[in-house]
Protein backbone atom coordinates (compact mmCIF):
# COMPACT_ATOMS: atom_id res chain seq x y z
CA MET A 1 108.83 171.44 29.45
CA THR A 2 105.45 172.27 30.16
CA GLU A 3 102.47 170.94 28.33
CA GLN A 4 98.83 170.26 28.45
CA ILE A 5 97.79 166.93 28.91
CA ASN A 6 95.16 165.67 26.34
CA ILE A 7 92.43 163.52 28.33
CA ASN A 8 89.48 161.81 26.71
CA PHE A 9 86.73 159.40 28.37
CA THR A 10 86.61 156.97 26.22
CA GLU A 11 88.99 153.43 25.97
CA PRO A 12 91.67 153.71 27.62
CA LYS A 13 90.44 154.78 30.86
CA ASP A 14 93.13 156.63 33.28
CA ILE A 15 92.38 156.06 37.48
CA PHE A 16 93.28 157.52 40.18
CA LEU A 17 96.25 155.44 42.84
CA SER A 18 97.66 156.44 45.79
CA ILE A 19 101.03 155.58 46.54
CA LYS A 20 103.66 156.56 49.30
CA PRO A 21 105.97 159.67 48.57
CA GLU A 22 109.44 157.24 48.41
CA PHE A 23 107.95 155.35 45.52
CA ALA A 24 106.99 158.77 43.70
CA ARG A 25 110.53 159.41 44.07
CA LEU A 26 111.98 156.70 42.72
CA LEU A 27 109.66 156.41 39.67
CA ALA A 28 110.29 160.32 38.95
CA THR A 29 113.78 160.01 39.31
CA ARG A 30 113.73 156.78 36.78
CA LYS A 31 114.97 154.64 39.85
CA LYS A 32 111.93 152.31 39.66
CA THR A 33 110.42 151.49 36.18
CA TYR A 34 107.08 150.08 36.65
CA GLU A 35 104.76 150.37 39.35
CA PHE A 36 103.97 147.20 40.57
CA ARG A 37 100.07 146.51 42.04
CA ARG A 38 98.18 143.16 43.60
CA TYR A 39 95.78 143.64 40.71
CA LYS A 40 95.02 145.51 37.68
CA PRO A 41 92.16 147.49 36.45
CA ASN A 42 88.96 145.81 34.89
CA GLU A 43 89.38 147.76 32.06
CA PRO A 44 92.21 149.00 29.89
CA ILE A 45 94.50 152.15 31.50
CA LYS A 46 96.76 154.76 29.66
CA ARG A 47 97.51 156.69 32.61
CA ILE A 48 98.09 156.67 36.49
CA TRP A 49 97.10 159.66 38.37
CA LEU A 50 99.16 159.91 41.17
CA TYR A 51 97.76 161.04 44.83
CA VAL A 52 101.11 160.87 46.94
CA THR A 53 100.40 159.98 50.44
CA ARG A 54 101.10 161.27 53.75
CA PRO A 55 103.80 163.31 54.60
CA ASP A 56 103.07 165.12 51.04
CA GLY A 57 99.50 164.71 50.61
CA MET A 58 98.58 165.76 47.50
CA LEU A 59 97.73 165.10 43.85
CA LYS A 60 101.00 165.24 42.13
CA PHE A 61 101.85 163.10 39.18
CA ILE A 62 100.72 161.42 36.14
CA ALA A 63 102.52 158.29 35.20
CA GLU A 64 101.52 157.20 31.06
CA VAL A 65 102.06 153.27 31.53
CA GLY A 66 102.08 150.46 29.27
CA GLU A 67 100.25 146.95 29.21
CA PRO A 68 100.46 145.10 32.54
CA VAL A 69 102.74 142.58 32.90
CA GLU A 70 101.42 139.59 34.80
CA TYR A 71 103.48 137.05 36.92
CA PRO A 72 105.44 134.99 36.00
CA HIS A 73 106.15 136.82 33.08
CA GLN A 74 109.29 138.77 32.88
CA ILE A 75 110.41 142.27 32.92
CA PRO A 76 113.87 143.88 32.42
CA GLU A 77 115.61 144.09 35.64
CA ASP A 78 116.49 148.11 35.19
CA GLY A 79 114.70 149.27 37.75
CA ILE A 80 114.24 148.92 41.57
CA GLY A 81 111.61 145.89 42.52
CA ASN A 82 111.88 144.15 39.15
CA LEU A 83 114.44 141.42 39.94
CA ASP A 84 112.00 140.84 42.57
CA PHE A 85 108.88 141.02 40.86
CA ASN A 86 110.93 138.25 37.78
CA LEU A 87 111.56 135.96 41.14
CA GLY A 88 107.93 135.89 42.68
CA LEU A 89 109.11 137.56 46.00
CA LYS A 90 106.34 140.80 45.58
CA LEU A 91 102.59 140.24 46.57
CA SER A 92 101.83 142.28 43.60
CA LYS A 93 100.96 140.55 40.68
CA PHE A 94 101.24 142.72 37.83
CA ALA A 95 103.92 145.34 37.06
CA PHE A 96 103.04 148.41 35.17
CA PRO A 97 105.48 149.85 33.08
CA ILE A 98 106.22 153.35 33.12
CA LEU A 99 106.16 155.21 29.45
CA HIS A 100 106.43 158.78 30.31
CA PHE A 101 106.14 160.33 33.70
CA ASP A 102 104.78 163.99 34.05
CA GLU A 103 104.58 166.58 37.23
CA LEU A 104 101.60 168.78 37.96
CA LEU A 105 102.46 172.46 37.76
CA GLU A 106 101.37 172.60 41.26
CA GLY A 107 100.11 169.38 43.35
CA ILE A 108 96.78 169.93 44.65
CA PRO A 109 96.64 169.29 48.57
CA LEU A 110 94.26 167.24 50.03
CA ASN A 111 92.24 169.55 51.59
CA THR A 112 91.75 171.47 48.05
CA LEU A 113 90.75 167.87 46.45
CA ARG A 114 87.95 166.99 49.37
CA SER A 115 86.68 170.84 49.57
CA GLN A 116 86.32 171.53 46.23
CA PHE A 117 86.09 168.68 44.01
CA ASN A 118 84.81 165.91 47.22
CA PHE A 119 87.97 163.99 46.50
CA ASN A 120 89.32 161.68 48.94
CA PRO A 121 92.43 159.14 48.36
CA PRO A 122 91.73 155.88 46.86
CA GLN A 123 92.45 152.35 48.75
CA GLY A 124 92.02 150.75 45.21
CA TYR A 125 91.63 152.41 42.34
CA ILE A 126 89.40 155.08 41.24
CA TYR A 127 88.81 155.68 37.61
CA ILE A 128 89.10 159.51 36.89
CA ASP A 129 85.67 160.23 34.80
CA THR A 130 84.15 159.96 38.44
CA PHE A 131 85.74 163.20 38.49
CA PRO A 132 85.70 165.28 35.63
CA ASN A 133 85.67 168.49 37.60
CA LEU A 134 89.25 167.94 38.75
CA VAL A 135 90.56 166.62 35.68
CA GLU A 136 89.20 169.73 33.50
CA PHE A 137 91.25 171.71 36.95
CA VAL A 138 94.43 169.86 36.38
CA LYS A 139 94.36 170.22 32.38
CA ARG A 140 94.13 173.72 33.00
CA GLN A 141 96.82 174.02 35.39
CA GLY A 142 99.46 172.34 33.32
CA ILE A 143 102.05 169.74 33.65
CA ARG A 144 105.38 169.49 33.15
CA ARG A 145 107.41 166.53 31.44
CA LEU A 146 109.95 164.64 33.57
CA TYR A 147 110.53 161.98 31.05
């Protein structure tokens, strides 16, 4: 199913994050139901735009997330990494539940991200309103809802 996403720059905000390809695949196939991070943004967020690192090297997915769960609060043990989070074995202190997972119809490679949008993969997170032209490009391009 292809649909246009509705992005607005009011609360809550969206962020860009970098993710390793193996974890992106686990999220896309619902084997991973939470995204774990050591931090949470200062402002509430609705979606995480995922830049998939090498060898993929492209902006490829958008995950709609719920309110992050902070350890020692527990999460359902229905996905990879969830039990480790509940047992305190992860370095990550926050678990973001994945509500919906979308794929860009065409991933945007790093060379295009840099040359057309002055975008570099985030080391932490970046609010998407920093790159309005990139957001508009993605909105025009379209996405496919995976779940």
